[in-house]
Each structure stands twice: as structure tokens, then as C-alpha cells.
Amino acid sequence: MKRLASQRLIGRIGLSLGMLFASATLTFLAVRMMPGDPATIILGGALANPTPGAVAAITKEYGLDRPLIVQYGFYIWRLLHGDLGVSFSQHLRVAEVLRQQMLPTLALASISLLLAWTLALLSVFCTVRRGRVLSTIGASFDISAAALPPFWLGIVLLWIFAFRLHLLPPAGSSSLASLIMPAFSLAIPLGGFLAQVTRESLEIALDQPFILSARMRGLSLGQVLRRHALRHALLPGIALSAWALGALLGETAVIEAIFSRKGLGRTLVYAVSAQDMPLTTGIVLFVTVAYIFASLGIELIHELVDPRLAASRGRRDSP
């Protein structure tokens, strides 16, 4: 049993390393395929009018005159040694840029995920099996919210609450108030999607024999939801939460740009436009690592909500 559990752990570590390698490789190829001369971009772009000698010196210094496969080999070798390099555009070590920018993005993504779950649970448990009218309203809200593009919603919220009502700051990342509109811009569409998944699971759970038996014992709908149906209804949504967090980390780029917030998403947009290979790679690898750890955390939560999952894995691992 222990040997099989160790094999499972080794397999998971191997899968995680494979994801990191694939992310690094795809990032390298994507940035190298972009138009423009990296050496010219490092020197400030064509508008800076760099001299041919300066371009040649930068090309040699960064190894850009070597074959692509050789550049890739050195690139992977440095990553294996934990060297993310120095950002071309910010002239800082990539690790320092990550340290400065990661907390605002992680805070925004985490709060948005919690807020999305709050909205989803409110929509589901306040409307499901509460009558045809409320159920229809709840389902319609879920579908409408899930269809809203976060960037469009961010612009609408910005226009209403910042420019018309003057209730919230339109930009910045230095206060809790500046986090409200960006978080809702990301949370409302995601909350609609999670609500759809949870609503369907809850409807199925409420038709199960053990739920009908609980109702026959005199338990109210609210008691049945809290004591019995909730755990079963949450499982599909919890399983999707790692994907949801990864999606939020990707969508923060546009939201951070709209609200002029510090963060990895906005920095990644600038790094890609500047063909800043070290910084682009560092951010992509950081997001990949965050997704891997989120997946492990979500799996643990999944097993806590449904202990039968851990028990079934134990039986599979036993000889």
C-alpha cells in the first residue's frame, strides 16, 4: 500500500515537472516567433534609433546570434539551475519583479474566487426548489452572469461606481476599496458558471432516496440542504476550482490594465510586447506553479468534503 502511494506521489511530481517544462518550452517558442529584433527591443525599440554597433553588441551578449536550438538549450539549463535571469525591459532580476508583483495578483485572484463561490451559493440556495418563479430567476441569473465578459463588466462597473457615483477609486492597488470593482469583475462571471454546476448537482442530489427519506422524517428544505445535499452538490464545483483559479490568473491581465493595478497580469502584457523572454518565462512558470499547488489544495479539500474519495483511493492502493 505504501509503495503504491509512493508511486502515486512520484507520478504527481513527474506530471508537475512535465507541466513546468511544457510551459517553459511553449513560452520560449511563442516569444521567439513574435516579429521584431529582440536586440533592438532590448535597446528601447526602433524609436530609440540604436546604432548597428550597439545592436551587434547586445546580440552577442545575450547569445541571440546563436542557432535557436542552442539558445533553447542555454535557456533550459539556466532554468534548471534556478536562474530566471534579468528582465530586459525593467533591468531588474526576474525574481525581484515577481516578488514585487505577485501579491496584488494573488490577492485579486483569491478574493475573486471566494467572492464567486459566495455569489454562486447565494444564488443556488436562495432559489433552488423555492418555487418555479424563484428557480427560474436564479437559473436565468446564473446563465446571464456566466455570459458576461470580465473586461466589459469591469468597464461598466468603472463607469457606474467610479465616474458616475464617485463611490470607489477608479484606479490603483493601495487600498481595499480599489480591490472591490476588479474582484467583482472577475467574480460575477465565474460565480454564474459555478452556480450553474452547483445548481444542477443540487437538483440531482435532492432527488436521491436518502434526501427523500430525510424529508419524510420531518426535516425542512433548509435543514436537508445544510446537512445532506450541500456536500454532494459542492463536489463538482470544488473539482473545477483549480481550473477556475488558473482562469482568474489569466484574466487578471486585462482587469489589472483596466483598473491600473499592479500585478503579474499587467506586467506579463508589457513583457510580451517587449519580447522580454526572462520576465515572460518567469511569470508563466510562476502561474504554472501556482496552478499546481492550487490543484493539490483543491484535491485535499475535495477529500475533506467527501471522505469516501480518500477511502476509495486507499482501497485502490491496497494490494
Protein backbone atom coordinates (compact mmCIF):
# COMPACT_ATOMS: atom_id res chain seq x y z
CA MET A 1 0.00 0.00 0.00
CA LYS A 2 2.78 2.42 0.95
CA ARG A 3 4.69 1.52 -2.19
CA LEU A 4 1.67 2.28 -4.38
CA ALA A 5 1.07 5.55 -2.54
CA SER A 6 4.71 6.50 -3.14
CA GLN A 7 4.31 5.67 -6.81
CA ARG A 8 1.26 7.93 -6.92
CA LEU A 9 3.27 10.76 -5.35
CA ILE A 10 6.16 10.24 -7.76
CA GLY A 11 3.74 10.24 -10.68
CA ARG A 12 2.23 13.51 -9.50
CA ILE A 13 5.65 15.11 -9.13
CA GLY A 14 6.57 13.92 -12.61
CA LEU A 15 3.37 15.36 -14.04
CA SER A 16 4.04 18.69 -12.33
CA LEU A 17 7.59 18.82 -13.70
CA GLY A 18 6.24 17.98 -17.15
CA MET A 19 3.80 20.90 -16.93
CA LEU A 20 6.62 23.25 -15.97
CA PHE A 21 8.79 22.02 -18.85
CA ALA A 22 5.94 22.36 -21.34
CA SER A 23 5.13 25.89 -20.10
CA ALA A 24 8.78 26.95 -20.39
CA THR A 25 9.13 25.47 -23.89
CA LEU A 26 5.91 26.97 -25.24
CA THR A 27 6.80 30.37 -23.79
CA PHE A 28 10.24 30.27 -25.41
CA LEU A 29 8.79 29.39 -28.82
CA ALA A 30 5.95 31.92 -28.60
CA VAL A 31 8.23 34.84 -27.72
CA ARG A 32 10.83 33.88 -30.34
CA MET A 33 8.15 33.71 -33.04
CA MET A 34 7.00 37.26 -32.41
CA PRO A 35 8.02 39.83 -35.06
CA GLY A 36 10.85 42.21 -34.36
CA ASP A 37 14.51 42.03 -33.42
CA PRO A 38 14.96 41.23 -29.70
CA ALA A 39 18.26 43.12 -29.57
CA THR A 40 16.62 46.28 -30.93
CA ILE A 41 13.76 45.91 -28.45
CA ILE A 42 16.20 45.50 -25.55
CA LEU A 43 17.82 48.80 -26.58
CA GLY A 44 14.50 50.62 -26.48
CA GLY A 45 12.94 49.73 -29.82
CA ALA A 46 13.20 51.28 -33.24
CA LEU A 47 12.18 54.71 -31.92
CA ALA A 48 15.36 54.76 -29.80
CA ASN A 49 17.35 54.52 -33.05
CA PRO A 50 20.12 52.23 -31.69
CA THR A 51 23.36 52.11 -33.62
CA PRO A 52 24.33 48.95 -35.52
CA GLY A 53 27.28 48.52 -33.19
CA ALA A 54 25.05 48.59 -30.10
CA VAL A 55 22.66 46.10 -31.69
CA ALA A 56 25.54 43.79 -32.55
CA ALA A 57 26.94 44.03 -29.02
CA ILE A 58 23.57 43.19 -27.43
CA THR A 59 23.02 40.35 -29.89
CA LYS A 60 26.35 38.80 -28.89
CA GLU A 61 25.92 39.50 -25.17
CA TYR A 62 22.57 37.69 -24.99
CA GLY A 63 23.53 34.93 -27.40
CA LEU A 64 20.90 35.96 -29.94
CA ASP A 65 23.32 35.24 -32.81
CA ARG A 66 23.43 31.54 -31.93
CA PRO A 67 21.15 28.90 -33.50
CA LEU A 68 17.71 28.71 -31.96
CA ILE A 69 18.28 25.21 -30.59
CA VAL A 70 21.44 26.41 -28.82
CA GLN A 71 19.55 29.38 -27.33
CA TYR A 72 16.88 26.98 -26.15
CA GLY A 73 19.46 24.68 -24.57
CA PHE A 74 21.07 27.52 -22.59
CA TYR A 75 17.60 28.77 -21.64
CA ILE A 76 16.57 25.39 -20.17
CA TRP A 77 19.96 24.96 -18.50
CA ARG A 78 19.58 28.28 -16.66
CA LEU A 79 16.05 27.41 -15.57
CA LEU A 80 17.22 24.04 -14.21
CA HIS A 81 19.70 25.95 -12.06
CA GLY A 82 17.01 28.30 -10.77
CA ASP A 83 18.31 31.27 -12.73
CA LEU A 84 15.39 33.25 -14.15
CA GLY A 85 17.76 35.92 -15.40
CA VAL A 86 17.37 39.69 -15.64
CA SER A 87 14.39 41.42 -17.19
CA PHE A 88 15.29 43.14 -20.48
CA SER A 89 12.61 45.80 -20.06
CA GLN A 90 12.80 46.53 -16.32
CA HIS A 91 16.54 45.90 -15.81
CA LEU A 92 15.82 44.00 -12.59
CA ARG A 93 16.24 40.37 -11.69
CA VAL A 94 13.09 38.47 -12.61
CA ALA A 95 12.81 37.08 -9.08
CA GLU A 96 12.64 40.64 -7.75
CA VAL A 97 9.94 41.61 -10.24
CA LEU A 98 7.92 38.55 -9.24
CA ARG A 99 8.31 39.45 -5.57
CA GLN A 100 7.00 42.95 -6.22
CA GLN A 101 4.07 41.98 -8.44
CA MET A 102 2.80 38.59 -7.25
CA LEU A 103 0.97 39.61 -4.06
CA PRO A 104 -1.53 42.01 -5.74
CA THR A 105 -2.38 39.38 -8.37
CA LEU A 106 -2.70 36.50 -5.90
CA ALA A 107 -4.86 38.67 -3.62
CA LEU A 108 -7.13 39.66 -6.51
CA ALA A 109 -7.47 36.08 -7.81
CA SER A 110 -8.07 34.56 -4.35
CA ILE A 111 -10.65 37.14 -3.28
CA SER A 112 -12.38 36.84 -6.65
CA LEU A 113 -12.62 33.05 -6.26
CA LEU A 114 -14.06 33.36 -2.74
CA LEU A 115 -16.49 36.02 -3.91
CA ALA A 116 -17.52 33.88 -6.89
CA TRP A 117 -18.32 30.96 -4.59
CA THR A 118 -20.29 33.28 -2.29
CA LEU A 119 -22.38 34.58 -5.17
CA ALA A 120 -22.88 31.05 -6.53
CA LEU A 121 -24.06 29.63 -3.20
CA LEU A 122 -26.39 32.57 -2.56
CA SER A 123 -27.94 32.18 -5.99
CA VAL A 124 -28.37 28.42 -5.67
CA PHE A 125 -29.54 28.03 -2.08
CA CYS A 126 -31.87 31.02 -2.18
CA THR A 127 -33.70 29.86 -5.30
CA VAL A 128 -33.46 26.09 -5.83
CA ARG A 129 -36.73 24.29 -5.04
CA ARG A 130 -38.18 27.59 -3.77
CA GLY A 131 -40.93 27.65 -6.34
CA ARG A 132 -40.97 27.90 -10.10
CA VAL A 133 -40.59 31.69 -10.21
CA LEU A 134 -37.57 31.87 -7.91
CA SER A 135 -35.93 28.86 -9.56
CA THR A 136 -36.35 30.44 -12.98
CA ILE A 137 -34.96 33.76 -11.76
CA GLY A 138 -31.97 32.02 -10.18
CA ALA A 139 -31.19 29.93 -13.25
CA SER A 140 -31.54 32.98 -15.52
CA PHE A 141 -29.17 34.95 -13.31
CA ASP A 142 -26.60 32.15 -13.43
CA ILE A 143 -26.68 31.97 -17.23
CA SER A 144 -26.58 35.76 -17.67
CA ALA A 145 -23.72 36.22 -15.21
CA ALA A 146 -21.64 33.43 -16.79
CA ALA A 147 -22.03 35.04 -20.22
CA LEU A 148 -20.64 38.44 -19.15
CA PRO A 149 -17.08 39.16 -20.38
CA PRO A 150 -14.98 40.28 -17.39
CA PHE A 151 -13.38 43.17 -19.29
CA TRP A 152 -16.81 44.54 -20.34
CA LEU A 153 -18.15 44.15 -16.83
CA GLY A 154 -15.08 45.94 -15.47
CA ILE A 155 -15.66 48.91 -17.76
CA VAL A 156 -19.35 49.08 -16.78
CA LEU A 157 -18.56 48.94 -13.06
CA LEU A 158 -15.86 51.57 -13.55
CA TRP A 159 -18.28 53.92 -15.31
CA ILE A 160 -21.06 53.48 -12.73
CA PHE A 161 -19.28 53.36 -9.39
CA ALA A 162 -16.21 55.49 -10.12
CA PHE A 163 -17.19 58.07 -12.73
CA ARG A 164 -20.94 58.46 -12.10
CA LEU A 165 -21.49 57.75 -8.41
CA HIS A 166 -17.91 58.51 -7.25
CA LEU A 167 -18.13 55.75 -4.64
CA LEU A 168 -14.98 53.81 -5.47
CA PRO A 169 -11.50 54.78 -6.71
CA PRO A 170 -11.12 54.25 -10.47
CA ALA A 171 -7.53 53.01 -10.31
CA GLY A 172 -4.74 51.89 -8.04
CA SER A 173 -3.95 48.94 -5.82
CA SER A 174 -3.09 50.53 -2.49
CA SER A 175 -6.42 50.17 -0.67
CA LEU A 176 -9.16 47.65 -0.07
CA ALA A 177 -11.67 49.89 -1.85
CA SER A 178 -9.61 49.71 -5.04
CA LEU A 179 -9.98 45.92 -4.97
CA ILE A 180 -13.80 45.84 -4.98
CA MET A 181 -14.54 46.54 -8.65
CA PRO A 182 -11.74 44.34 -10.07
CA ALA A 183 -12.81 41.47 -7.79
CA PHE A 184 -16.47 41.72 -8.81
CA SER A 185 -15.50 41.99 -12.49
CA LEU A 186 -13.82 38.59 -12.22
CA ALA A 187 -16.17 37.01 -9.67
CA ILE A 188 -19.58 37.61 -11.26
CA PRO A 189 -18.96 35.61 -14.49
CA LEU A 190 -17.16 32.85 -12.60
CA GLY A 191 -19.88 32.82 -9.93
CA GLY A 192 -22.51 32.32 -12.63
CA PHE A 193 -20.60 29.33 -14.02
CA LEU A 194 -20.09 27.75 -10.58
CA ALA A 195 -23.74 28.36 -9.75
CA GLN A 196 -24.84 26.51 -12.90
CA VAL A 197 -22.70 23.49 -11.99
CA THR A 198 -23.76 23.53 -8.34
CA ARG A 199 -27.45 24.04 -9.17
CA GLU A 200 -27.50 21.00 -11.45
CA SER A 201 -25.69 18.85 -8.86
CA LEU A 202 -28.02 20.02 -6.11
CA GLU A 203 -31.11 19.23 -8.17
CA ILE A 204 -29.80 15.71 -8.73
CA ALA A 205 -28.88 15.29 -5.05
CA LEU A 206 -32.33 16.41 -3.87
CA ASP A 207 -33.93 13.59 -5.88
CA GLN A 208 -31.84 10.89 -4.23
CA PRO A 209 -33.57 8.37 -1.92
CA PHE A 210 -31.65 9.42 1.20
CA ILE A 211 -32.82 13.03 0.71
CA LEU A 212 -36.43 11.93 0.29
CA SER A 213 -36.07 9.84 3.43
CA ALA A 214 -34.78 12.86 5.35
CA ARG A 215 -37.73 14.95 4.19
CA MET A 216 -40.12 12.22 5.31
CA ARG A 217 -38.56 12.37 8.80
CA GLY A 218 -39.76 15.96 9.02
CA LEU A 219 -36.60 17.89 8.12
CA SER A 220 -37.20 21.20 6.39
CA LEU A 221 -35.72 22.00 2.97
CA GLY A 222 -33.10 24.23 4.60
CA GLN A 223 -32.05 21.50 7.02
CA VAL A 224 -31.81 18.95 4.22
CA LEU A 225 -29.68 21.34 2.16
CA ARG A 226 -27.29 22.05 5.02
CA ARG A 227 -26.98 18.56 6.48
CA HIS A 228 -27.18 16.28 3.47
CA ALA A 229 -27.36 17.80 -0.01
CA LEU A 230 -24.71 20.53 0.33
CA ARG A 231 -21.74 18.17 0.45
CA HIS A 232 -22.81 16.31 -2.68
CA ALA A 233 -23.72 19.47 -4.59
CA LEU A 234 -20.36 21.15 -3.92
CA LEU A 235 -18.15 18.35 -5.23
CA PRO A 236 -18.25 19.20 -8.98
CA GLY A 237 -17.68 22.89 -8.31
CA ILE A 238 -14.80 22.18 -5.95
CA ALA A 239 -13.21 19.93 -8.56
CA LEU A 240 -13.37 22.86 -11.02
CA SER A 241 -11.94 25.41 -8.59
CA ALA A 242 -8.31 24.76 -9.58
CA TRP A 243 -9.23 25.42 -13.21
CA ALA A 244 -11.17 28.49 -12.06
CA LEU A 245 -8.16 29.88 -10.20
CA GLY A 246 -5.97 29.32 -13.25
CA ALA A 247 -8.54 31.12 -15.41
CA LEU A 248 -8.65 34.01 -12.94
CA LEU A 249 -4.86 34.35 -13.01
CA GLY A 250 -5.05 34.59 -16.79
CA GLU A 251 -7.89 37.12 -16.81
CA THR A 252 -6.19 39.42 -14.31
CA ALA A 253 -4.05 40.80 -17.16
CA VAL A 254 -6.98 42.68 -18.71
CA ILE A 255 -8.56 43.64 -15.39
CA GLU A 256 -5.28 44.98 -13.99
CA ALA A 257 -4.84 47.05 -17.15
CA ILE A 258 -8.38 48.47 -16.94
CA PHE A 259 -8.04 49.47 -13.29
CA SER A 260 -4.33 50.38 -13.49
CA ARG A 261 -3.41 47.87 -10.81
CA LYS A 262 -0.03 46.43 -10.01
CA GLY A 263 0.26 42.73 -10.72
CA LEU A 264 1.68 39.90 -12.75
CA GLY A 265 -1.02 40.04 -15.42
CA ARG A 266 -0.33 43.61 -16.41
CA THR A 267 3.41 43.01 -16.18
CA LEU A 268 3.09 39.96 -18.44
CA VAL A 269 1.35 42.04 -21.13
CA TYR A 270 4.22 44.53 -21.12
CA ALA A 271 6.83 41.75 -21.05
CA VAL A 272 5.33 40.01 -24.08
CA SER A 273 5.05 43.26 -26.05
CA ALA A 274 8.69 43.98 -25.25
CA GLN A 275 9.75 40.40 -26.08
CA ASP A 276 11.22 40.23 -22.59
CA MET A 277 11.97 36.50 -22.57
CA PRO A 278 13.27 36.18 -18.96
CA LEU A 279 10.36 38.10 -17.45
CA THR A 280 7.74 36.39 -19.61
CA THR A 281 9.13 32.98 -18.70
CA GLY A 282 9.31 33.83 -15.01
CA ILE A 283 5.67 34.92 -14.87
CA VAL A 284 4.41 31.92 -16.87
CA LEU A 285 6.35 29.50 -14.66
CA PHE A 286 5.08 31.22 -11.52
CA VAL A 287 1.47 30.94 -12.70
CA THR A 288 2.07 27.26 -13.57
CA VAL A 289 3.47 26.57 -10.09
CA ALA A 290 0.52 28.41 -8.52
CA TYR A 291 -1.87 26.27 -10.56
CA ILE A 292 -0.09 23.07 -9.49
CA PHE A 293 -0.28 23.96 -5.80
CA ALA A 294 -3.90 25.07 -6.21
CA SER A 295 -4.73 21.70 -7.78
CA LEU A 296 -3.17 19.87 -4.83
CA GLY A 297 -5.02 22.08 -2.36
CA ILE A 298 -8.34 21.62 -4.14
CA GLU A 299 -7.84 17.86 -4.13
CA LEU A 300 -7.31 17.89 -0.36
CA ILE A 301 -10.46 20.00 0.11
CA HIS A 302 -12.32 17.59 -2.16
CA GLU A 303 -11.31 14.67 0.05
CA LEU A 304 -12.30 16.57 3.23
CA VAL A 305 -15.75 17.32 1.82
CA ASP A 306 -16.19 13.73 0.61
CA PRO A 307 -14.10 11.31 2.76
CA ARG A 308 -15.29 8.44 0.58
CA LEU A 309 -12.91 9.67 -2.13
CA ALA A 310 -9.87 9.21 0.10
CA ALA A 311 -11.18 5.84 1.24
CA SER A 312 -11.68 4.63 -2.33
CA ARG A 313 -8.13 5.67 -3.22
CA GLY A 314 -6.86 3.77 -0.21
CA ARG A 315 -8.64 0.65 -1.41
CA ARG A 316 -7.19 1.08 -4.92
CA ASP A 317 -3.70 1.49 -3.46
CA SER A 318 -4.01 -1.62 -1.27
CA PRO A 319 -2.91 -4.97 -2.78
